[in-house]
Amino acid sequence: MTTIADLQHKHIRGMYDVIDSVSREKKYLAWTEAPPFGVFKNFVANGLVKRSPQIIALEDGKVVGWCDITVQPRPTTKHCGVLGMGVLAEYRHKGIGTKLLRAALRKAAAYGLSRVELEVFEDNVAAIELYKRIGFKIEGRKVSAVRIDDRYVDALMMALLLKDYSDDEATETV
């Protein structure tokens, strides 16, 4: 059974391993491997201190997915957060991403954010449909936003205004 929980220090290594695994697939993230562990650990620990939304999915105590919302630091954009998420390949298409996203958005609203932004590769249809179901809107396209090996991929810029978000699954738009 999958448990959705707030990230704790003891889960940082597991979260790192998930990010590294998803990155190495070279299909979903703008990384081809996780950053150095020390850099990652400092970034995540800083988020814990700031109480920014950092959610994980656990399966029998193992981290199998994450969703975080990084709060923007500038005074003019501190109402915004940037969403990142991923789920290990063998745990996808089981509703874990939806649960992670909903939990992170609840935390973002409680934190005081009013806008959550993300970028998603245009060929990541499952993720785009998830974001649309939750209420994210496409705001633009970045042509050839990333190059992984010899493949260029456009990224869609999407955002959700939290005032328009309902945590009730029955109100999701298709």
N, C-alpha and C. Protein backbone atom coordinates (compact mmCIF):
# COMPACT_ATOMS: atom_id res chain seq x y z
N MET A 1 0.84 -1.19 0.00
CA MET A 1 0.00 0.00 0.00
C MET A 1 0.88 1.25 0.00
N THR A 2 0.50 2.21 -0.80
CA THR A 2 1.28 3.44 -0.93
C THR A 2 0.82 4.45 0.10
N THR A 3 1.79 5.08 0.75
CA THR A 3 1.54 6.13 1.72
C THR A 3 2.09 7.44 1.16
N ILE A 4 1.31 8.50 1.26
CA ILE A 4 1.73 9.83 0.86
C ILE A 4 2.08 10.58 2.14
N ALA A 5 3.27 11.16 2.19
CA ALA A 5 3.73 11.80 3.43
C ALA A 5 4.61 13.00 3.13
N ASP A 6 4.73 13.85 4.13
CA ASP A 6 5.69 14.95 4.05
C ASP A 6 7.10 14.37 4.09
N LEU A 7 7.98 14.95 3.31
CA LEU A 7 9.37 14.54 3.32
C LEU A 7 9.98 14.79 4.69
N GLN A 8 10.77 13.85 5.17
CA GLN A 8 11.55 14.00 6.39
C GLN A 8 13.02 13.78 6.03
N HIS A 9 13.91 14.24 6.90
CA HIS A 9 15.35 14.10 6.64
C HIS A 9 15.72 12.66 6.30
N LYS A 10 15.11 11.70 6.97
CA LYS A 10 15.46 10.30 6.75
C LYS A 10 15.10 9.81 5.34
N HIS A 11 14.28 10.57 4.62
CA HIS A 11 13.87 10.16 3.27
C HIS A 11 14.67 10.83 2.16
N ILE A 12 15.60 11.71 2.51
CA ILE A 12 16.31 12.48 1.48
C ILE A 12 17.05 11.57 0.50
N ARG A 13 17.74 10.55 1.00
CA ARG A 13 18.47 9.65 0.11
C ARG A 13 17.52 8.91 -0.83
N GLY A 14 16.39 8.48 -0.31
CA GLY A 14 15.42 7.78 -1.15
C GLY A 14 14.84 8.69 -2.23
N MET A 15 14.57 9.93 -1.87
CA MET A 15 14.07 10.89 -2.86
C MET A 15 15.13 11.12 -3.94
N TYR A 16 16.36 11.26 -3.51
CA TYR A 16 17.48 11.43 -4.46
C TYR A 16 17.54 10.26 -5.44
N ASP A 17 17.40 9.05 -4.92
CA ASP A 17 17.48 7.86 -5.77
C ASP A 17 16.35 7.84 -6.80
N VAL A 18 15.16 8.29 -6.42
CA VAL A 18 14.04 8.36 -7.37
C VAL A 18 14.35 9.39 -8.45
N ILE A 19 14.80 10.56 -8.05
CA ILE A 19 15.12 11.60 -9.03
C ILE A 19 16.21 11.11 -9.98
N ASP A 20 17.21 10.43 -9.45
CA ASP A 20 18.27 9.92 -10.31
C ASP A 20 17.73 8.88 -11.29
N SER A 21 16.90 7.99 -10.81
CA SER A 21 16.33 6.95 -11.68
C SER A 21 15.48 7.56 -12.80
N VAL A 22 14.58 8.48 -12.45
CA VAL A 22 13.73 9.11 -13.46
C VAL A 22 14.58 9.94 -14.43
N SER A 23 15.58 10.63 -13.91
CA SER A 23 16.46 11.43 -14.78
C SER A 23 17.18 10.56 -15.80
N ARG A 24 17.64 9.40 -15.39
CA ARG A 24 18.40 8.52 -16.27
C ARG A 24 17.54 7.90 -17.37
N GLU A 25 16.22 7.98 -17.24
CA GLU A 25 15.35 7.53 -18.33
C GLU A 25 15.44 8.47 -19.53
N LYS A 26 15.87 9.70 -19.29
CA LYS A 26 16.04 10.71 -20.33
C LYS A 26 14.76 10.98 -21.13
N LYS A 27 13.63 10.95 -20.42
CA LYS A 27 12.35 11.18 -21.10
C LYS A 27 11.47 12.22 -20.40
N TYR A 28 11.68 12.45 -19.12
CA TYR A 28 10.72 13.24 -18.36
C TYR A 28 11.29 14.48 -17.69
N LEU A 29 12.55 14.46 -17.35
CA LEU A 29 13.16 15.56 -16.61
C LEU A 29 14.27 16.20 -17.43
N ALA A 30 14.57 17.44 -17.13
CA ALA A 30 15.63 18.15 -17.83
C ALA A 30 17.00 17.81 -17.24
N TRP A 31 17.07 16.73 -16.53
CA TRP A 31 18.33 16.19 -16.01
C TRP A 31 18.57 14.86 -16.70
N THR A 32 19.81 14.47 -16.85
CA THR A 32 20.11 13.12 -17.33
C THR A 32 20.65 12.26 -16.19
N GLU A 33 20.85 12.88 -15.06
CA GLU A 33 21.19 12.21 -13.80
C GLU A 33 20.97 13.23 -12.70
N ALA A 34 20.83 12.75 -11.49
CA ALA A 34 20.62 13.67 -10.37
C ALA A 34 21.87 14.51 -10.16
N PRO A 35 21.71 15.71 -9.58
CA PRO A 35 22.89 16.52 -9.25
C PRO A 35 23.71 15.82 -8.17
N PRO A 36 24.91 16.29 -7.90
CA PRO A 36 25.70 15.68 -6.82
C PRO A 36 24.88 15.63 -5.52
N PHE A 37 25.03 14.53 -4.79
CA PHE A 37 24.18 14.32 -3.62
C PHE A 37 24.29 15.46 -2.60
N GLY A 38 25.47 15.98 -2.37
CA GLY A 38 25.64 17.06 -1.39
C GLY A 38 24.85 18.30 -1.77
N VAL A 39 24.88 18.66 -3.04
CA VAL A 39 24.12 19.81 -3.53
C VAL A 39 22.63 19.56 -3.34
N PHE A 40 22.20 18.37 -3.74
CA PHE A 40 20.79 17.99 -3.61
C PHE A 40 20.35 18.01 -2.15
N LYS A 41 21.14 17.42 -1.28
CA LYS A 41 20.80 17.35 0.14
C LYS A 41 20.65 18.75 0.73
N ASN A 42 21.56 19.67 0.39
CA ASN A 42 21.46 21.05 0.89
C ASN A 42 20.20 21.74 0.39
N PHE A 43 19.87 21.54 -0.89
CA PHE A 43 18.66 22.14 -1.47
C PHE A 43 17.41 21.63 -0.75
N VAL A 44 17.33 20.33 -0.56
CA VAL A 44 16.15 19.74 0.07
C VAL A 44 16.08 20.12 1.55
N ALA A 45 17.21 20.10 2.23
CA ALA A 45 17.23 20.48 3.65
C ALA A 45 16.80 21.93 3.82
N ASN A 46 17.21 22.80 2.91
CA ASN A 46 16.78 24.19 2.95
C ASN A 46 15.26 24.29 2.79
N GLY A 47 14.70 23.49 1.91
CA GLY A 47 13.25 23.45 1.75
C GLY A 47 12.54 22.97 3.01
N LEU A 48 13.15 22.00 3.70
CA LEU A 48 12.55 21.53 4.96
C LEU A 48 12.55 22.63 6.01
N VAL A 49 13.64 23.38 6.09
CA VAL A 49 13.71 24.48 7.05
C VAL A 49 12.64 25.52 6.74
N LYS A 50 12.46 25.81 5.46
CA LYS A 50 11.46 26.81 5.05
C LYS A 50 10.03 26.26 5.05
N ARG A 51 9.90 24.95 5.28
CA ARG A 51 8.61 24.26 5.30
C ARG A 51 7.90 24.34 3.94
N SER A 52 8.69 24.38 2.87
CA SER A 52 8.09 24.40 1.54
C SER A 52 7.52 23.01 1.23
N PRO A 53 6.55 22.95 0.34
CA PRO A 53 5.89 21.67 0.04
C PRO A 53 6.87 20.65 -0.57
N GLN A 54 7.11 19.57 0.16
CA GLN A 54 7.94 18.46 -0.31
C GLN A 54 7.25 17.18 0.14
N ILE A 55 6.68 16.47 -0.81
CA ILE A 55 5.85 15.31 -0.53
C ILE A 55 6.49 14.08 -1.16
N ILE A 56 6.37 12.94 -0.50
CA ILE A 56 6.90 11.70 -1.05
C ILE A 56 5.82 10.62 -1.02
N ALA A 57 6.01 9.62 -1.87
CA ALA A 57 5.18 8.41 -1.85
C ALA A 57 6.07 7.28 -1.36
N LEU A 58 5.57 6.53 -0.39
CA LEU A 58 6.30 5.41 0.18
C LEU A 58 5.55 4.11 -0.08
N GLU A 59 6.29 3.11 -0.49
CA GLU A 59 5.74 1.77 -0.67
C GLU A 59 6.58 0.85 0.21
N ASP A 60 5.98 0.32 1.27
CA ASP A 60 6.69 -0.51 2.23
C ASP A 60 7.95 0.17 2.74
N GLY A 61 7.86 1.48 3.00
CA GLY A 61 8.97 2.25 3.54
C GLY A 61 9.96 2.77 2.52
N LYS A 62 9.81 2.37 1.26
CA LYS A 62 10.72 2.80 0.19
C LYS A 62 10.11 4.00 -0.54
N VAL A 63 10.93 5.04 -0.78
CA VAL A 63 10.46 6.19 -1.54
C VAL A 63 10.32 5.76 -3.00
N VAL A 64 9.10 5.94 -3.55
CA VAL A 64 8.83 5.55 -4.94
C VAL A 64 8.40 6.74 -5.80
N GLY A 65 8.22 7.90 -5.16
CA GLY A 65 7.84 9.09 -5.90
C GLY A 65 7.98 10.33 -5.04
N TRP A 66 8.00 11.49 -5.70
CA TRP A 66 8.11 12.75 -4.98
C TRP A 66 7.36 13.83 -5.75
N CYS A 67 6.98 14.86 -5.03
CA CYS A 67 6.45 16.07 -5.62
C CYS A 67 6.86 17.21 -4.70
N ASP A 68 7.53 18.20 -5.28
CA ASP A 68 7.91 19.35 -4.47
C ASP A 68 7.53 20.63 -5.21
N ILE A 69 7.37 21.68 -4.45
CA ILE A 69 7.07 22.99 -5.01
C ILE A 69 8.09 23.96 -4.41
N THR A 70 8.97 24.44 -5.27
CA THR A 70 10.02 25.35 -4.85
C THR A 70 9.50 26.77 -4.89
N VAL A 71 9.51 27.41 -3.75
CA VAL A 71 9.01 28.78 -3.63
C VAL A 71 10.01 29.73 -4.27
N GLN A 72 9.50 30.65 -5.07
CA GLN A 72 10.36 31.62 -5.74
C GLN A 72 10.83 32.68 -4.74
N PRO A 73 12.10 33.06 -4.79
CA PRO A 73 12.68 33.91 -3.75
C PRO A 73 12.49 35.42 -3.93
N ARG A 74 12.24 35.88 -5.14
CA ARG A 74 12.15 37.33 -5.36
C ARG A 74 10.87 37.89 -4.75
N PRO A 75 10.93 39.11 -4.24
CA PRO A 75 9.73 39.72 -3.67
C PRO A 75 8.55 39.78 -4.65
N THR A 76 8.84 39.94 -5.93
CA THR A 76 7.78 40.06 -6.93
C THR A 76 7.19 38.71 -7.35
N THR A 77 7.86 37.60 -7.00
CA THR A 77 7.37 36.29 -7.40
C THR A 77 7.24 35.32 -6.23
N LYS A 78 7.32 35.81 -5.01
CA LYS A 78 7.26 34.89 -3.87
C LYS A 78 5.88 34.28 -3.66
N HIS A 79 4.90 34.72 -4.42
CA HIS A 79 3.57 34.10 -4.39
C HIS A 79 3.52 32.87 -5.29
N CYS A 80 4.61 32.61 -6.02
CA CYS A 80 4.69 31.52 -7.00
C CYS A 80 5.60 30.40 -6.51
N GLY A 81 5.26 29.19 -6.93
CA GLY A 81 6.12 28.05 -6.70
C GLY A 81 6.28 27.28 -7.99
N VAL A 82 7.41 26.58 -8.12
CA VAL A 82 7.68 25.77 -9.30
C VAL A 82 7.62 24.30 -8.89
N LEU A 83 6.78 23.57 -9.60
CA LEU A 83 6.52 22.18 -9.27
C LEU A 83 7.48 21.24 -9.99
N GLY A 84 7.93 20.25 -9.26
CA GLY A 84 8.70 19.14 -9.83
C GLY A 84 8.16 17.85 -9.25
N MET A 85 8.12 16.82 -10.07
CA MET A 85 7.64 15.54 -9.55
C MET A 85 8.11 14.38 -10.41
N GLY A 86 8.06 13.21 -9.84
CA GLY A 86 8.39 12.01 -10.58
C GLY A 86 8.03 10.78 -9.76
N VAL A 87 7.81 9.69 -10.48
CA VAL A 87 7.47 8.41 -9.86
C VAL A 87 8.30 7.34 -10.55
N LEU A 88 8.84 6.41 -9.78
CA LEU A 88 9.60 5.31 -10.37
C LEU A 88 8.74 4.58 -11.41
N ALA A 89 9.38 4.12 -12.48
CA ALA A 89 8.67 3.53 -13.62
C ALA A 89 7.68 2.44 -13.21
N GLU A 90 8.08 1.56 -12.33
CA GLU A 90 7.21 0.43 -11.97
C GLU A 90 6.01 0.81 -11.10
N TYR A 91 5.95 2.06 -10.67
CA TYR A 91 4.84 2.52 -9.83
C TYR A 91 3.93 3.52 -10.55
N ARG A 92 4.19 3.75 -11.82
CA ARG A 92 3.37 4.71 -12.59
C ARG A 92 2.02 4.11 -12.96
N HIS A 93 1.08 5.01 -13.27
CA HIS A 93 -0.27 4.65 -13.72
C HIS A 93 -1.06 3.90 -12.64
N LYS A 94 -0.79 4.26 -11.39
CA LYS A 94 -1.50 3.67 -10.25
C LYS A 94 -2.13 4.73 -9.37
N GLY A 95 -2.14 5.99 -9.85
CA GLY A 95 -2.74 7.08 -9.09
C GLY A 95 -1.80 7.76 -8.12
N ILE A 96 -0.56 7.32 -8.06
CA ILE A 96 0.40 7.90 -7.11
C ILE A 96 0.69 9.35 -7.46
N GLY A 97 0.88 9.64 -8.74
CA GLY A 97 1.17 11.01 -9.16
C GLY A 97 0.05 11.97 -8.77
N THR A 98 -1.19 11.54 -8.96
CA THR A 98 -2.34 12.37 -8.58
C THR A 98 -2.33 12.66 -7.09
N LYS A 99 -2.09 11.63 -6.29
CA LYS A 99 -2.07 11.81 -4.83
C LYS A 99 -0.93 12.73 -4.40
N LEU A 100 0.24 12.54 -5.00
CA LEU A 100 1.37 13.41 -4.68
C LEU A 100 1.06 14.86 -5.03
N LEU A 101 0.52 15.07 -6.22
CA LEU A 101 0.22 16.42 -6.69
C LEU A 101 -0.81 17.09 -5.80
N ARG A 102 -1.88 16.39 -5.48
CA ARG A 102 -2.92 16.97 -4.61
C ARG A 102 -2.36 17.35 -3.25
N ALA A 103 -1.54 16.48 -2.67
CA ALA A 103 -0.96 16.76 -1.35
C ALA A 103 -0.04 17.98 -1.42
N ALA A 104 0.75 18.07 -2.49
CA ALA A 104 1.66 19.21 -2.63
C ALA A 104 0.88 20.51 -2.83
N LEU A 105 -0.20 20.47 -3.58
CA LEU A 105 -1.00 21.68 -3.79
C LEU A 105 -1.69 22.12 -2.50
N ARG A 106 -2.14 21.18 -1.70
CA ARG A 106 -2.71 21.54 -0.38
C ARG A 106 -1.66 22.26 0.47
N LYS A 107 -0.44 21.72 0.47
CA LYS A 107 0.64 22.34 1.23
C LYS A 107 0.99 23.73 0.67
N ALA A 108 0.96 23.85 -0.65
CA ALA A 108 1.27 25.15 -1.27
C ALA A 108 0.26 26.20 -0.86
N ALA A 109 -1.01 25.82 -0.84
CA ALA A 109 -2.06 26.76 -0.43
C ALA A 109 -1.87 27.14 1.03
N ALA A 110 -1.59 26.15 1.88
CA ALA A 110 -1.38 26.43 3.31
C ALA A 110 -0.13 27.30 3.51
N TYR A 111 0.85 27.14 2.66
CA TYR A 111 2.08 27.92 2.73
C TYR A 111 1.83 29.38 2.35
N GLY A 112 0.76 29.61 1.59
CA GLY A 112 0.43 30.97 1.17
C GLY A 112 0.71 31.26 -0.29
N LEU A 113 1.06 30.24 -1.04
CA LEU A 113 1.28 30.46 -2.47
C LEU A 113 -0.07 30.66 -3.17
N SER A 114 -0.06 31.41 -4.25
CA SER A 114 -1.29 31.59 -5.02
C SER A 114 -1.14 31.10 -6.46
N ARG A 115 0.08 30.73 -6.86
CA ARG A 115 0.32 30.27 -8.23
C ARG A 115 1.38 29.17 -8.19
N VAL A 116 1.12 28.11 -8.95
CA VAL A 116 2.09 27.02 -9.09
C VAL A 116 2.34 26.83 -10.58
N GLU A 117 3.62 26.82 -10.95
CA GLU A 117 4.04 26.72 -12.34
C GLU A 117 4.82 25.43 -12.55
N LEU A 118 4.88 25.00 -13.81
CA LEU A 118 5.70 23.84 -14.14
C LEU A 118 6.05 23.88 -15.62
N GLU A 119 7.03 23.09 -15.98
CA GLU A 119 7.34 22.82 -17.39
C GLU A 119 7.28 21.33 -17.57
N VAL A 120 6.70 20.91 -18.69
CA VAL A 120 6.56 19.49 -18.99
C VAL A 120 6.90 19.28 -20.46
N PHE A 121 7.63 18.21 -20.75
CA PHE A 121 7.96 17.92 -22.14
C PHE A 121 6.68 17.65 -22.91
N GLU A 122 6.61 18.17 -24.14
CA GLU A 122 5.39 18.07 -24.94
C GLU A 122 4.99 16.63 -25.24
N ASP A 123 5.95 15.70 -25.21
CA ASP A 123 5.62 14.30 -25.51
C ASP A 123 5.28 13.49 -24.26
N ASN A 124 5.22 14.14 -23.11
CA ASN A 124 4.84 13.46 -21.86
C ASN A 124 3.32 13.60 -21.68
N VAL A 125 2.61 12.90 -22.53
CA VAL A 125 1.16 13.03 -22.61
C VAL A 125 0.48 12.68 -21.28
N ALA A 126 0.92 11.63 -20.62
CA ALA A 126 0.28 11.24 -19.36
C ALA A 126 0.39 12.35 -18.31
N ALA A 127 1.55 12.97 -18.21
CA ALA A 127 1.72 14.06 -17.24
C ALA A 127 0.87 15.27 -17.62
N ILE A 128 0.85 15.61 -18.90
CA ILE A 128 0.06 16.76 -19.35
C ILE A 128 -1.41 16.54 -19.02
N GLU A 129 -1.91 15.34 -19.26
CA GLU A 129 -3.31 15.04 -18.95
C GLU A 129 -3.58 15.10 -17.45
N LEU A 130 -2.64 14.63 -16.64
CA LEU A 130 -2.78 14.73 -15.18
C LEU A 130 -2.88 16.20 -14.77
N TYR A 131 -1.97 17.01 -15.27
CA TYR A 131 -1.98 18.43 -14.89
C TYR A 131 -3.28 19.11 -15.34
N LYS A 132 -3.74 18.80 -16.52
CA LYS A 132 -5.00 19.39 -17.00
C LYS A 132 -6.18 18.95 -16.14
N ARG A 133 -6.23 17.66 -15.76
CA ARG A 133 -7.32 17.17 -14.90
C ARG A 133 -7.37 17.93 -13.59
N ILE A 134 -6.21 18.26 -13.06
CA ILE A 134 -6.13 18.97 -11.78
C ILE A 134 -6.52 20.44 -11.96
N GLY A 135 -6.35 20.98 -13.17
CA GLY A 135 -6.74 22.36 -13.42
C GLY A 135 -5.64 23.26 -13.98
N PHE A 136 -4.44 22.70 -14.20
CA PHE A 136 -3.36 23.49 -14.80
C PHE A 136 -3.74 23.86 -16.23
N LYS A 137 -3.30 25.03 -16.64
CA LYS A 137 -3.54 25.52 -18.00
C LYS A 137 -2.20 25.70 -18.71
N ILE A 138 -2.19 25.42 -20.01
CA ILE A 138 -0.99 25.66 -20.81
C ILE A 138 -0.90 27.16 -21.06
N GLU A 139 0.25 27.74 -20.74
CA GLU A 139 0.47 29.17 -20.94
C GLU A 139 1.45 29.47 -22.06
N GLY A 140 2.17 28.47 -22.51
CA GLY A 140 3.12 28.73 -23.57
C GLY A 140 3.95 27.51 -23.91
N ARG A 141 4.82 27.68 -24.86
CA ARG A 141 5.69 26.61 -25.35
C ARG A 141 7.11 27.17 -25.48
N LYS A 142 8.06 26.38 -25.04
CA LYS A 142 9.47 26.69 -25.25
C LYS A 142 9.99 25.71 -26.30
N VAL A 143 10.26 26.23 -27.49
CA VAL A 143 10.70 25.40 -28.60
C VAL A 143 12.14 24.93 -28.37
N SER A 144 12.36 23.64 -28.57
CA SER A 144 13.69 23.04 -28.36
C SER A 144 14.25 23.42 -26.99
N ALA A 145 13.41 23.32 -25.99
CA ALA A 145 13.79 23.75 -24.64
C ALA A 145 14.92 22.92 -24.05
N VAL A 146 14.95 21.65 -24.38
CA VAL A 146 16.02 20.78 -23.88
C VAL A 146 16.57 19.94 -25.03
N ARG A 147 17.80 19.58 -24.87
CA ARG A 147 18.44 18.64 -25.80
C ARG A 147 19.01 17.52 -24.97
N ILE A 148 18.49 16.34 -25.20
CA ILE A 148 18.97 15.16 -24.50
C ILE A 148 19.54 14.24 -25.56
N ASP A 149 20.83 14.00 -25.46
CA ASP A 149 21.57 13.31 -26.51
C ASP A 149 21.37 14.12 -27.80
N ASP A 150 20.81 13.55 -28.84
CA ASP A 150 20.60 14.30 -30.08
C ASP A 150 19.13 14.64 -30.29
N ARG A 151 18.34 14.59 -29.25
CA ARG A 151 16.90 14.82 -29.37
C ARG A 151 16.55 16.16 -28.73
N TYR A 152 15.90 17.02 -29.51
CA TYR A 152 15.39 18.28 -28.99
C TYR A 152 13.92 18.08 -28.62
N VAL A 153 13.53 18.68 -27.51
CA VAL A 153 12.16 18.53 -27.04
C VAL A 153 11.62 19.90 -26.66
N ASP A 154 10.40 20.18 -27.12
CA ASP A 154 9.71 21.39 -26.68
C ASP A 154 9.15 21.15 -25.27
N ALA A 155 9.07 22.20 -24.51
CA ALA A 155 8.47 22.13 -23.17
C ALA A 155 7.25 23.03 -23.15
N LEU A 156 6.20 22.53 -22.54
CA LEU A 156 5.00 23.32 -22.33
C LEU A 156 5.11 23.97 -20.96
N MET A 157 4.77 25.24 -20.90
CA MET A 157 4.72 25.95 -19.62
C MET A 157 3.26 25.91 -19.17
N MET A 158 3.04 25.42 -17.96
CA MET A 158 1.70 25.30 -17.42
C MET A 158 1.66 25.96 -16.05
N ALA A 159 0.48 26.41 -15.66
CA ALA A 159 0.33 27.01 -14.34
C ALA A 159 -1.08 26.79 -13.82
N LEU A 160 -1.19 26.87 -12.52
CA LEU A 160 -2.46 26.76 -11.81
C LEU A 160 -2.54 27.89 -10.81
N LEU A 161 -3.62 28.65 -10.86
CA LEU A 161 -3.89 29.64 -9.82
C LEU A 161 -4.64 28.90 -8.72
N LEU A 162 -4.10 28.92 -7.52
CA LEU A 162 -4.68 28.12 -6.45
C LEU A 162 -6.09 28.57 -6.08
N LYS A 163 -6.46 29.80 -6.37
CA LYS A 163 -7.84 30.24 -6.12
C LYS A 163 -8.82 29.48 -7.00
N ASP A 164 -8.33 28.95 -8.12
CA ASP A 164 -9.17 28.19 -9.06
C ASP A 164 -9.11 26.68 -8.81
N TYR A 165 -8.32 26.25 -7.84
CA TYR A 165 -8.11 24.83 -7.58
C TYR A 165 -9.10 24.32 -6.54
N SER A 166 -9.68 23.17 -6.85
CA SER A 166 -10.53 22.49 -5.88
C SER A 166 -9.91 21.13 -5.61
N ASP A 167 -9.83 20.77 -4.36
CA ASP A 167 -9.24 19.49 -3.98
C ASP A 167 -10.24 18.35 -4.15
N ASP A 168 -11.43 18.67 -4.62
CA ASP A 168 -12.47 17.68 -4.80
C ASP A 168 -12.33 17.04 -6.18
N GLU A 169 -12.06 15.74 -6.22
CA GLU A 169 -11.85 15.07 -7.49
C GLU A 169 -13.05 15.20 -8.42
N ALA A 170 -14.23 15.37 -7.88
CA ALA A 170 -15.43 15.45 -8.72
C ALA A 170 -15.45 16.73 -9.55
N THR A 171 -14.67 17.73 -9.16
CA THR A 171 -14.68 18.99 -9.90
C THR A 171 -13.54 19.10 -10.90
N GLU A 172 -12.75 18.03 -11.05
CA GLU A 172 -11.64 18.08 -12.00
C GLU A 172 -12.16 18.28 -13.40
N THR A 173 -11.44 19.09 -14.17
CA THR A 173 -11.81 19.31 -15.57
C THR A 173 -11.07 18.31 -16.44
N VAL A 174 -11.66 17.95 -17.56
CA VAL A 174 -11.02 16.99 -18.46
C VAL A 174 -10.42 17.72 -19.62
